[in-house]
Amino acid sequence: LVVVLERLLSYLVALSDKAQAHPNEEQSYLEPAILVFLAVFVLPMIFRSAAIICTLIDGYYTQICTSGLASVVFEKALNLPAGSAPQEELSAEEDPDGNMNPNVIQLFNTDILGCWDNLLRSLFCLVLAPCVIIVQFIMLVTRIHAAGFVGFLYCVPAIVLTTASIKVNIGFFKNQQGFLDNRLKKLTETITHIRTLKSLALESTAFEQLNRARQSELVFMQRCVVGGGFTMAIAASIPWGSVVLALWYLLKVQGSIAVVQILIVQRLMGSMLLMI
């Protein structure tokens, strides 16, 4: 789509220059009409069809992988003795709430069922992202020369900040999942021994433990949401920050900017954002 847009805008600019140079000569609009048809109908249809096919294939193989791993973990869980613990438990100082120890149910719910969404799409983007970024970078430099390189430099600090934000957010997510596991464990124990708790008048104590685990889970869940929003904000700033930086350099060197250059640069940066 970016290539078609660049070709269309370049042809329209050349057509306008030719009309000004030869006002009495009749112009042909066949090529721009074909390009508009491709950009409006053909390419979106191809993209949507490929997305539907990819989603169907992704869902098929995701179900196979998920069911296979779930079967393995379930069979392993049945063979574990009651109260099984990991080989290396964290100390009370490192994990005072006891919420960071591995749990089979947590592994089953989170790591198997929740980590296989869009598997094929993620692998596809991971493989093609470097190639697409290099090709688009070459197109950008070819179109606006040094200004394209200057604008692309904005991606470097943005990617560094995004990586750091994701790393911090992963830590928040681990803590949130740990507190979730702890809360579910306490909830299961409370429901199982509810008669004993009522006979000993310990309902309030059990409720306080559940509420404490829930509040800790909500704190880290909020941090995950804020961290994810910060990461998305940095990623969303890549096309606009690169465009502003590139066009500022272009304006400083040339003194003027053509509309076709603004549109092409903005679309190229937007396409890079999809890959990044």
C-alpha atoms as a PDB file:
ATOM      1  CA  LEU A   1       0.000   0.000   0.000  1.00  0.00           C
ATOM      2  CA  VAL A   2       2.870   2.378   0.762  1.00  0.00           C
ATOM      3  CA  VAL A   3       4.459   1.610  -2.604  1.00  0.00           C
ATOM      4  CA  VAL A   4       1.171   2.227  -4.421  1.00  0.00           C
ATOM      5  CA  LEU A   5       0.650   5.475  -2.514  1.00  0.00           C
ATOM      6  CA  GLU A   6       4.152   6.664  -3.333  1.00  0.00           C
ATOM      7  CA  ARG A   7       3.684   5.800  -6.978  1.00  0.00           C
ATOM      8  CA  LEU A   8       0.291   7.522  -7.127  1.00  0.00           C
ATOM      9  CA  LEU A   9       1.443  10.728  -5.475  1.00  0.00           C
ATOM     10  CA  SER A  10       4.620  10.851  -7.543  1.00  0.00           C
ATOM     11  CA  TYR A  11       2.599  10.379 -10.739  1.00  0.00           C
ATOM     12  CA  LEU A  12       0.154  13.121  -9.742  1.00  0.00           C
ATOM     13  CA  VAL A  13       3.013  15.519  -9.039  1.00  0.00           C
ATOM     14  CA  ALA A  14       4.639  14.686 -12.381  1.00  0.00           C
ATOM     15  CA  LEU A  15       1.265  15.094 -14.093  1.00  0.00           C
ATOM     16  CA  SER A  16       0.784  18.497 -12.509  1.00  0.00           C
ATOM     17  CA  ASP A  17       4.258  19.621 -13.580  1.00  0.00           C
ATOM     18  CA  LYS A  18       3.629  18.358 -17.102  1.00  0.00           C
ATOM     19  CA  ALA A  19       0.272  20.169 -17.268  1.00  0.00           C
ATOM     20  CA  GLN A  20       1.944  23.414 -16.275  1.00  0.00           C
ATOM     21  CA  ALA A  21       4.725  22.941 -18.805  1.00  0.00           C
ATOM     22  CA  HIS A  22       2.365  21.881 -21.647  1.00  0.00           C
ATOM     23  CA  PRO A  23      -1.098  23.344 -20.937  1.00  0.00           C
ATOM     24  CA  ASN A  24      -2.493  22.480 -24.371  1.00  0.00           C
ATOM     25  CA  GLU A  25      -1.518  18.813 -24.271  1.00  0.00           C
ATOM     26  CA  GLU A  26      -4.142  16.266 -23.191  1.00  0.00           C
ATOM     27  CA  GLN A  27      -3.231  14.280 -20.054  1.00  0.00           C
ATOM     28  CA  SER A  28      -3.844  10.580 -19.433  1.00  0.00           C
ATOM     29  CA  TYR A  29      -5.380   9.566 -16.105  1.00  0.00           C
ATOM     30  CA  LEU A  30      -5.412   5.817 -16.718  1.00  0.00           C
ATOM     31  CA  GLU A  31      -2.465   4.989 -14.485  1.00  0.00           C
ATOM     32  CA  PRO A  32      -3.679   7.006 -11.442  1.00  0.00           C
ATOM     33  CA  ALA A  33      -7.155   5.479 -11.862  1.00  0.00           C
ATOM     34  CA  ILE A  34      -5.643   1.977 -11.762  1.00  0.00           C
ATOM     35  CA  LEU A  35      -3.532   2.880  -8.730  1.00  0.00           C
ATOM     36  CA  VAL A  36      -6.557   4.279  -6.902  1.00  0.00           C
ATOM     37  CA  PHE A  37      -8.505   1.090  -7.679  1.00  0.00           C
ATOM     38  CA  LEU A  38      -5.646  -1.006  -6.302  1.00  0.00           C
ATOM     39  CA  ALA A  39      -5.293   1.095  -3.163  1.00  0.00           C
ATOM     40  CA  VAL A  40      -9.020   1.303  -2.405  1.00  0.00           C
ATOM     41  CA  PHE A  41     -10.310  -2.155  -3.378  1.00  0.00           C
ATOM     42  CA  VAL A  42      -7.700  -4.743  -4.341  1.00  0.00           C
ATOM     43  CA  LEU A  43      -5.045  -4.349  -1.635  1.00  0.00           C
ATOM     44  CA  PRO A  44      -7.492  -4.097   1.322  1.00  0.00           C
ATOM     45  CA  MET A  45      -9.319  -7.184   0.025  1.00  0.00           C
ATOM     46  CA  ILE A  46      -6.047  -9.115  -0.200  1.00  0.00           C
ATOM     47  CA  PHE A  47      -5.063  -7.956   3.279  1.00  0.00           C
ATOM     48  CA  ARG A  48      -8.409  -8.939   4.819  1.00  0.00           C
ATOM     49  CA  SER A  49      -8.442 -12.315   3.096  1.00  0.00           C
ATOM     50  CA  ALA A  50      -4.905 -13.067   4.258  1.00  0.00           C
ATOM     51  CA  ALA A  51      -5.789 -11.954   7.801  1.00  0.00           C
ATOM     52  CA  ILE A  52      -8.813 -14.283   7.888  1.00  0.00           C
ATOM     53  CA  ILE A  53      -6.795 -17.239   6.574  1.00  0.00           C
ATOM     54  CA  CYS A  54      -3.981 -16.538   9.041  1.00  0.00           C
ATOM     55  CA  THR A  55      -6.456 -16.328  11.940  1.00  0.00           C
ATOM     56  CA  LEU A  56      -8.068 -19.657  11.014  1.00  0.00           C
ATOM     57  CA  ILE A  57      -4.719 -21.429  10.672  1.00  0.00           C
ATOM     58  CA  ASP A  58      -3.459 -19.767  13.845  1.00  0.00           C
ATOM     59  CA  GLY A  59      -6.509 -20.898  15.804  1.00  0.00           C
ATOM     60  CA  TYR A  60      -6.207 -24.453  14.502  1.00  0.00           C
ATOM     61  CA  TYR A  61      -2.553 -24.926  15.463  1.00  0.00           C
ATOM     62  CA  THR A  62      -3.041 -22.980  18.703  1.00  0.00           C
ATOM     63  CA  GLN A  63      -5.695 -25.453  19.820  1.00  0.00           C
ATOM     64  CA  ILE A  64      -3.407 -28.367  18.968  1.00  0.00           C
ATOM     65  CA  CYS A  65      -0.472 -26.911  20.926  1.00  0.00           C
ATOM     66  CA  THR A  66      -2.648 -25.869  23.854  1.00  0.00           C
ATOM     67  CA  SER A  67      -4.398 -29.233  24.181  1.00  0.00           C
ATOM     68  CA  GLY A  68      -1.095 -31.105  23.925  1.00  0.00           C
ATOM     69  CA  LEU A  69       0.648 -29.057  26.601  1.00  0.00           C
ATOM     70  CA  ALA A  70      -2.438 -29.100  28.815  1.00  0.00           C
ATOM     71  CA  SER A  71      -2.511 -32.906  28.619  1.00  0.00           C
ATOM     72  CA  VAL A  72       1.153 -33.139  29.586  1.00  0.00           C
ATOM     73  CA  VAL A  73       0.760 -30.766  32.548  1.00  0.00           C
ATOM     74  CA  PHE A  74      -2.464 -32.423  33.677  1.00  0.00           C
ATOM     75  CA  GLU A  75      -0.909 -35.888  33.630  1.00  0.00           C
ATOM     76  CA  LYS A  76       2.099 -34.565  35.515  1.00  0.00           C
ATOM     77  CA  ALA A  77      -0.149 -32.886  38.081  1.00  0.00           C
ATOM     78  CA  LEU A  78      -1.971 -36.175  38.726  1.00  0.00           C
ATOM     79  CA  ASN A  79       1.337 -37.893  39.481  1.00  0.00           C
ATOM     80  CA  LEU A  80       2.526 -35.232  41.933  1.00  0.00           C
ATOM     81  CA  PRO A  81       2.165 -35.982  45.643  1.00  0.00           C
ATOM     82  CA  ALA A  82       0.071 -33.678  47.781  1.00  0.00           C
ATOM     83  CA  GLY A  83       1.858 -30.521  48.902  1.00  0.00           C
ATOM     84  CA  SER A  84       4.623 -30.791  46.335  1.00  0.00           C
ATOM     85  CA  ALA A  85       7.031 -27.847  46.481  1.00  0.00           C
ATOM     86  CA  PRO A  86       9.700 -26.589  44.077  1.00  0.00           C
ATOM     87  CA  GLN A  87      13.289 -27.636  44.610  1.00  0.00           C
ATOM     88  CA  GLU A  88      14.411 -24.112  45.479  1.00  0.00           C
ATOM     89  CA  GLU A  89      11.904 -22.149  47.517  1.00  0.00           C
ATOM     90  CA  LEU A  90      12.304 -18.431  48.111  1.00  0.00           C
ATOM     91  CA  SER A  91      13.129 -17.263  51.603  1.00  0.00           C
ATOM     92  CA  ALA A  92      10.656 -15.397  53.791  1.00  0.00           C
ATOM     93  CA  GLU A  93      12.515 -12.144  53.191  1.00  0.00           C
ATOM     94  CA  GLU A  94      12.463 -12.547  49.394  1.00  0.00           C
ATOM     95  CA  ASP A  95       8.819 -13.636  49.268  1.00  0.00           C
ATOM     96  CA  PRO A  96       7.053 -12.740  52.540  1.00  0.00           C
ATOM     97  CA  ASP A  97       3.571 -13.527  51.197  1.00  0.00           C
ATOM     98  CA  GLY A  98       4.566 -16.841  49.653  1.00  0.00           C
ATOM     99  CA  ASN A  99       3.097 -15.937  46.291  1.00  0.00           C
ATOM    100  CA  MET A 100       6.043 -16.527  43.975  1.00  0.00           C
ATOM    101  CA  ASN A 101       6.304 -20.309  44.253  1.00  0.00           C
ATOM    102  CA  PRO A 102       5.376 -22.182  41.063  1.00  0.00           C
ATOM    103  CA  ASN A 103       1.908 -23.701  41.022  1.00  0.00           C
ATOM    104  CA  VAL A 104       0.604 -26.296  38.601  1.00  0.00           C
ATOM    105  CA  ILE A 105      -2.836 -24.731  38.299  1.00  0.00           C
ATOM    106  CA  GLN A 106      -1.327 -21.301  37.668  1.00  0.00           C
ATOM    107  CA  LEU A 107       0.935 -22.831  35.055  1.00  0.00           C
ATOM    108  CA  PHE A 108      -2.060 -24.478  33.427  1.00  0.00           C
ATOM    109  CA  ASN A 109      -4.252 -21.364  33.412  1.00  0.00           C
ATOM    110  CA  THR A 110      -1.732 -18.674  32.517  1.00  0.00           C
ATOM    111  CA  ASP A 111       1.241 -20.131  30.721  1.00  0.00           C
ATOM    112  CA  ILE A 112      -0.622 -22.642  28.567  1.00  0.00           C
ATOM    113  CA  LEU A 113      -4.073 -21.209  27.950  1.00  0.00           C
ATOM    114  CA  GLY A 114      -3.118 -17.536  27.914  1.00  0.00           C
ATOM    115  CA  CYS A 115       0.178 -17.476  26.016  1.00  0.00           C
ATOM    116  CA  TRP A 116      -0.815 -19.062  22.705  1.00  0.00           C
ATOM    117  CA  ASP A 117      -3.016 -16.318  21.275  1.00  0.00           C
ATOM    118  CA  ASN A 118      -2.034 -15.149  17.774  1.00  0.00           C
ATOM    119  CA  LEU A 119       0.924 -17.525  17.699  1.00  0.00           C
ATOM    120  CA  LEU A 120       1.278 -17.644  13.920  1.00  0.00           C
ATOM    121  CA  ARG A 121       0.844 -13.891  13.529  1.00  0.00           C
ATOM    122  CA  SER A 122       3.463 -13.184  16.193  1.00  0.00           C
ATOM    123  CA  LEU A 123       5.990 -15.547  14.606  1.00  0.00           C
ATOM    124  CA  PHE A 124       5.246 -14.156  11.153  1.00  0.00           C
ATOM    125  CA  CYS A 125       5.775 -10.564  12.297  1.00  0.00           C
ATOM    126  CA  LEU A 126       8.902 -11.545  14.213  1.00  0.00           C
ATOM    127  CA  VAL A 127      10.477 -13.091  11.110  1.00  0.00           C
ATOM    128  CA  LEU A 128       9.440 -10.396   8.628  1.00  0.00           C
ATOM    129  CA  ALA A 129       9.834  -7.326  10.827  1.00  0.00           C
ATOM    130  CA  PRO A 130      13.589  -6.792  10.225  1.00  0.00           C
ATOM    131  CA  CYS A 131      13.211  -7.217   6.449  1.00  0.00           C
ATOM    132  CA  VAL A 132      10.220  -4.882   6.224  1.00  0.00           C
ATOM    133  CA  ILE A 133      11.902  -2.220   8.361  1.00  0.00           C
ATOM    134  CA  ILE A 134      15.067  -2.338   6.232  1.00  0.00           C
ATOM    135  CA  VAL A 135      13.087  -2.050   2.978  1.00  0.00           C
ATOM    136  CA  GLN A 136      11.001   0.828   4.299  1.00  0.00           C
ATOM    137  CA  PHE A 137      14.090   2.562   5.642  1.00  0.00           C
ATOM    138  CA  ILE A 138      15.688   2.334   2.183  1.00  0.00           C
ATOM    139  CA  MET A 139      12.497   3.763   0.632  1.00  0.00           C
ATOM    140  CA  LEU A 140      12.510   6.580   3.160  1.00  0.00           C
ATOM    141  CA  VAL A 141      16.137   7.496   2.568  1.00  0.00           C
ATOM    142  CA  THR A 142      15.620   7.254  -1.206  1.00  0.00           C
ATOM    143  CA  ARG A 143      12.663   9.608  -1.017  1.00  0.00           C
ATOM    144  CA  ILE A 144      13.962  12.341   1.311  1.00  0.00           C
ATOM    145  CA  HIS A 145      17.659  11.375   1.551  1.00  0.00           C
ATOM    146  CA  ALA A 146      19.415  12.425   4.769  1.00  0.00           C
ATOM    147  CA  ALA A 147      16.171  13.609   6.350  1.00  0.00           C
ATOM    148  CA  GLY A 148      14.911  10.007   6.293  1.00  0.00           C
ATOM    149  CA  PHE A 149      17.916   8.846   8.290  1.00  0.00           C
ATOM    150  CA  VAL A 150      17.498  11.702  10.762  1.00  0.00           C
ATOM    151  CA  GLY A 151      13.828  10.873  11.226  1.00  0.00           C
ATOM    152  CA  PHE A 152      14.592   7.182  11.660  1.00  0.00           C
ATOM    153  CA  LEU A 153      16.942   8.028  14.538  1.00  0.00           C
ATOM    154  CA  TYR A 154      13.858   8.751  16.642  1.00  0.00           C
ATOM    155  CA  CYS A 155      13.156   5.011  16.624  1.00  0.00           C
ATOM    156  CA  VAL A 156      16.347   4.287  18.584  1.00  0.00           C
ATOM    157  CA  PRO A 157      15.417   5.952  21.917  1.00  0.00           C
ATOM    158  CA  ALA A 158      11.784   4.942  21.416  1.00  0.00           C
ATOM    159  CA  ILE A 159      12.732   1.266  21.075  1.00  0.00           C
ATOM    160  CA  VAL A 160      15.063   1.492  24.094  1.00  0.00           C
ATOM    161  CA  LEU A 161      12.314   3.042  26.240  1.00  0.00           C
ATOM    162  CA  THR A 162       9.777   0.498  24.971  1.00  0.00           C
ATOM    163  CA  THR A 163      12.096  -2.406  25.825  1.00  0.00           C
ATOM    164  CA  ALA A 164      12.762  -1.026  29.304  1.00  0.00           C
ATOM    165  CA  SER A 165       9.038  -0.455  29.864  1.00  0.00           C
ATOM    166  CA  ILE A 166       8.187  -3.990  28.766  1.00  0.00           C
ATOM    167  CA  LYS A 167      10.856  -5.404  31.073  1.00  0.00           C
ATOM    168  CA  VAL A 168       9.445  -3.491  34.051  1.00  0.00           C
ATOM    169  CA  ASN A 169       5.904  -4.457  33.105  1.00  0.00           C
ATOM    170  CA  ILE A 170       6.878  -8.143  32.990  1.00  0.00           C
ATOM    171  CA  GLY A 171       8.017  -7.841  36.604  1.00  0.00           C
ATOM    172  CA  PHE A 172       4.664  -6.299  37.540  1.00  0.00           C
ATOM    173  CA  PHE A 173       2.856  -9.084  35.700  1.00  0.00           C
ATOM    174  CA  LYS A 174       4.809 -11.787  37.534  1.00  0.00           C
ATOM    175  CA  ASN A 175       3.929 -10.257  40.888  1.00  0.00           C
ATOM    176  CA  GLN A 176       0.291  -9.870  39.881  1.00  0.00           C
ATOM    177  CA  GLN A 177       0.101 -13.513  38.820  1.00  0.00           C
ATOM    178  CA  GLY A 178       1.792 -14.546  42.058  1.00  0.00           C
ATOM    179  CA  PHE A 179      -0.750 -12.687  44.167  1.00  0.00           C
ATOM    180  CA  LEU A 180      -3.522 -14.126  41.998  1.00  0.00           C
ATOM    181  CA  ASP A 181      -2.230 -17.628  42.678  1.00  0.00           C
ATOM    182  CA  ASN A 182      -2.017 -16.873  46.384  1.00  0.00           C
ATOM    183  CA  ARG A 183      -5.571 -15.512  46.452  1.00  0.00           C
ATOM    184  CA  LEU A 184      -6.975 -18.542  44.620  1.00  0.00           C
ATOM    185  CA  LYS A 185      -5.121 -20.844  46.964  1.00  0.00           C
ATOM    186  CA  LYS A 186      -6.534 -19.124  50.047  1.00  0.00           C
ATOM    187  CA  LEU A 187      -9.990 -19.020  48.495  1.00  0.00           C
ATOM    188  CA  THR A 188      -9.866 -22.767  47.808  1.00  0.00           C
ATOM    189  CA  GLU A 189      -8.736 -23.484  51.358  1.00  0.00           C
ATOM    190  CA  THR A 190     -11.483 -21.261  52.757  1.00  0.00           C
ATOM    191  CA  ILE A 191     -14.233 -22.937  50.728  1.00  0.00           C
ATOM    192  CA  THR A 192     -12.912 -26.413  51.541  1.00  0.00           C
ATOM    193  CA  HIS A 193     -12.712 -25.809  55.291  1.00  0.00           C
ATOM    194  CA  ILE A 194     -15.584 -23.366  55.647  1.00  0.00           C
ATOM    195  CA  ARG A 195     -17.316 -25.444  58.338  1.00  0.00           C
ATOM    196  CA  THR A 196     -14.168 -25.615  60.416  1.00  0.00           C
ATOM    197  CA  LEU A 197     -13.626 -21.883  60.070  1.00  0.00           C
ATOM    198  CA  LYS A 198     -17.197 -21.142  61.141  1.00  0.00           C
ATOM    199  CA  SER A 199     -16.987 -23.474  64.110  1.00  0.00           C
ATOM    200  CA  LEU A 200     -13.823 -21.700  65.278  1.00  0.00           C
ATOM    201  CA  ALA A 201     -15.180 -18.215  64.404  1.00  0.00           C
ATOM    202  CA  LEU A 202     -12.323 -17.565  61.983  1.00  0.00           C
ATOM    203  CA  GLU A 203     -14.391 -16.181  59.105  1.00  0.00           C
ATOM    204  CA  SER A 204     -13.082 -12.657  59.610  1.00  0.00           C
ATOM    205  CA  THR A 205      -9.477 -13.859  59.626  1.00  0.00           C
ATOM    206  CA  ALA A 206      -9.979 -15.770  56.390  1.00  0.00           C
ATOM    207  CA  PHE A 207     -11.699 -12.750  54.857  1.00  0.00           C
ATOM    208  CA  GLU A 208      -8.815 -10.469  55.868  1.00  0.00           C
ATOM    209  CA  GLN A 209      -6.297 -12.819  54.271  1.00  0.00           C
ATOM    210  CA  LEU A 210      -8.316 -12.970  51.043  1.00  0.00           C
ATOM    211  CA  ASN A 211      -8.805  -9.221  51.014  1.00  0.00           C
ATOM    212  CA  ARG A 212      -5.102  -8.588  51.614  1.00  0.00           C
ATOM    213  CA  ALA A 213      -4.150 -10.858  48.723  1.00  0.00           C
ATOM    214  CA  ARG A 214      -6.800  -9.250  46.505  1.00  0.00           C
ATOM    215  CA  GLN A 215      -5.641  -5.714  47.305  1.00  0.00           C
ATOM    216  CA  SER A 216      -2.029  -6.636  46.515  1.00  0.00           C
ATOM    217  CA  GLU A 217      -3.190  -8.212  43.252  1.00  0.00           C
ATOM    218  CA  LEU A 218      -5.124  -5.071  42.326  1.00  0.00           C
ATOM    219  CA  VAL A 219      -2.095  -2.873  43.005  1.00  0.00           C
ATOM    220  CA  PHE A 220       0.102  -4.817  40.586  1.00  0.00           C
ATOM    221  CA  MET A 221      -2.752  -5.148  38.099  1.00  0.00           C
ATOM    222  CA  GLN A 222      -3.026  -1.360  38.054  1.00  0.00           C
ATOM    223  CA  ARG A 223       0.721  -1.087  37.545  1.00  0.00           C
ATOM    224  CA  CYS A 224       0.477  -3.522  34.631  1.00  0.00           C
ATOM    225  CA  VAL A 225      -2.244  -1.431  33.011  1.00  0.00           C
ATOM    226  CA  VAL A 226      -0.299   1.800  33.474  1.00  0.00           C
ATOM    227  CA  GLY A 227       2.906   0.199  32.203  1.00  0.00           C
ATOM    228  CA  GLY A 228       1.124  -1.222  29.161  1.00  0.00           C
ATOM    229  CA  GLY A 229      -0.389   2.171  28.387  1.00  0.00           C
ATOM    230  CA  PHE A 230       3.013   3.832  28.695  1.00  0.00           C
ATOM    231  CA  THR A 231       4.500   1.270  26.316  1.00  0.00           C
ATOM    232  CA  MET A 232       1.718   1.791  23.783  1.00  0.00           C
ATOM    233  CA  ALA A 233       2.123   5.571  24.064  1.00  0.00           C
ATOM    234  CA  ILE A 234       5.826   5.334  23.218  1.00  0.00           C
ATOM    235  CA  ALA A 235       5.119   3.023  20.283  1.00  0.00           C
ATOM    236  CA  ALA A 236       2.353   5.303  18.989  1.00  0.00           C
ATOM    237  CA  SER A 237       4.707   8.284  19.075  1.00  0.00           C
ATOM    238  CA  ILE A 238       7.171   6.647  16.659  1.00  0.00           C
ATOM    239  CA  PRO A 239       5.527   7.664  13.335  1.00  0.00           C
ATOM    240  CA  TRP A 240       4.706  11.197  14.442  1.00  0.00           C
ATOM    241  CA  GLY A 241       8.012  11.804  16.200  1.00  0.00           C
ATOM    242  CA  SER A 242       9.942  10.509  13.211  1.00  0.00           C
ATOM    243  CA  VAL A 243       7.850  12.592  10.812  1.00  0.00           C
ATOM    244  CA  VAL A 244       8.366  15.761  12.837  1.00  0.00           C
ATOM    245  CA  LEU A 245      12.105  15.157  13.123  1.00  0.00           C
ATOM    246  CA  ALA A 246      12.521  14.282   9.439  1.00  0.00           C
ATOM    247  CA  LEU A 247      10.421  17.188   8.176  1.00  0.00           C
ATOM    248  CA  TRP A 248      12.163  19.610  10.536  1.00  0.00           C
ATOM    249  CA  TYR A 249      15.512  18.602   9.068  1.00  0.00           C
ATOM    250  CA  LEU A 250      14.080  18.753   5.558  1.00  0.00           C
ATOM    251  CA  LEU A 251      12.672  22.217   6.172  1.00  0.00           C
ATOM    252  CA  LYS A 252      15.941  23.391   7.637  1.00  0.00           C
ATOM    253  CA  VAL A 253      17.965  22.157   4.649  1.00  0.00           C
ATOM    254  CA  GLN A 254      15.594  22.815   1.719  1.00  0.00           C
ATOM    255  CA  GLY A 255      13.482  25.616   3.129  1.00  0.00           C
ATOM    256  CA  SER A 256      10.245  24.042   1.823  1.00  0.00           C
ATOM    257  CA  ILE A 257       8.385  20.733   2.025  1.00  0.00           C
ATOM    258  CA  ALA A 258       6.206  19.174  -0.655  1.00  0.00           C
ATOM    259  CA  VAL A 259       2.869  17.696   0.377  1.00  0.00           C
ATOM    260  CA  VAL A 260       3.722  14.399  -1.292  1.00  0.00           C
ATOM    261  CA  GLN A 261       6.789  14.081   0.936  1.00  0.00           C
ATOM    262  CA  ILE A 262       4.721  14.600   4.091  1.00  0.00           C
ATOM    263  CA  LEU A 263       2.182  11.933   3.131  1.00  0.00           C
ATOM    264  CA  ILE A 264       4.747   9.356   2.065  1.00  0.00           C
ATOM    265  CA  VAL A 265       6.937   9.848   5.135  1.00  0.00           C
ATOM    266  CA  GLN A 266       3.945   9.587   7.466  1.00  0.00           C
ATOM    267  CA  ARG A 267       2.715   6.364   5.823  1.00  0.00           C
ATOM    268  CA  LEU A 268       6.182   4.819   5.882  1.00  0.00           C
ATOM    269  CA  MET A 269       6.572   5.576   9.572  1.00  0.00           C
ATOM    270  CA  GLY A 270       3.107   4.188  10.256  1.00  0.00           C
ATOM    271  CA  SER A 271       4.032   0.966   8.481  1.00  0.00           C
ATOM    272  CA  MET A 272       7.213   0.725  10.537  1.00  0.00           C
ATOM    273  CA  LEU A 273       5.120   1.057  13.695  1.00  0.00           C
ATOM    274  CA  LEU A 274       3.141  -2.080  12.747  1.00  0.00           C
ATOM    275  CA  MET A 275       6.363  -4.049  12.476  1.00  0.00           C
ATOM    276  CA  ILE A 276       7.960  -2.607  15.613  1.00  0.00           C
END
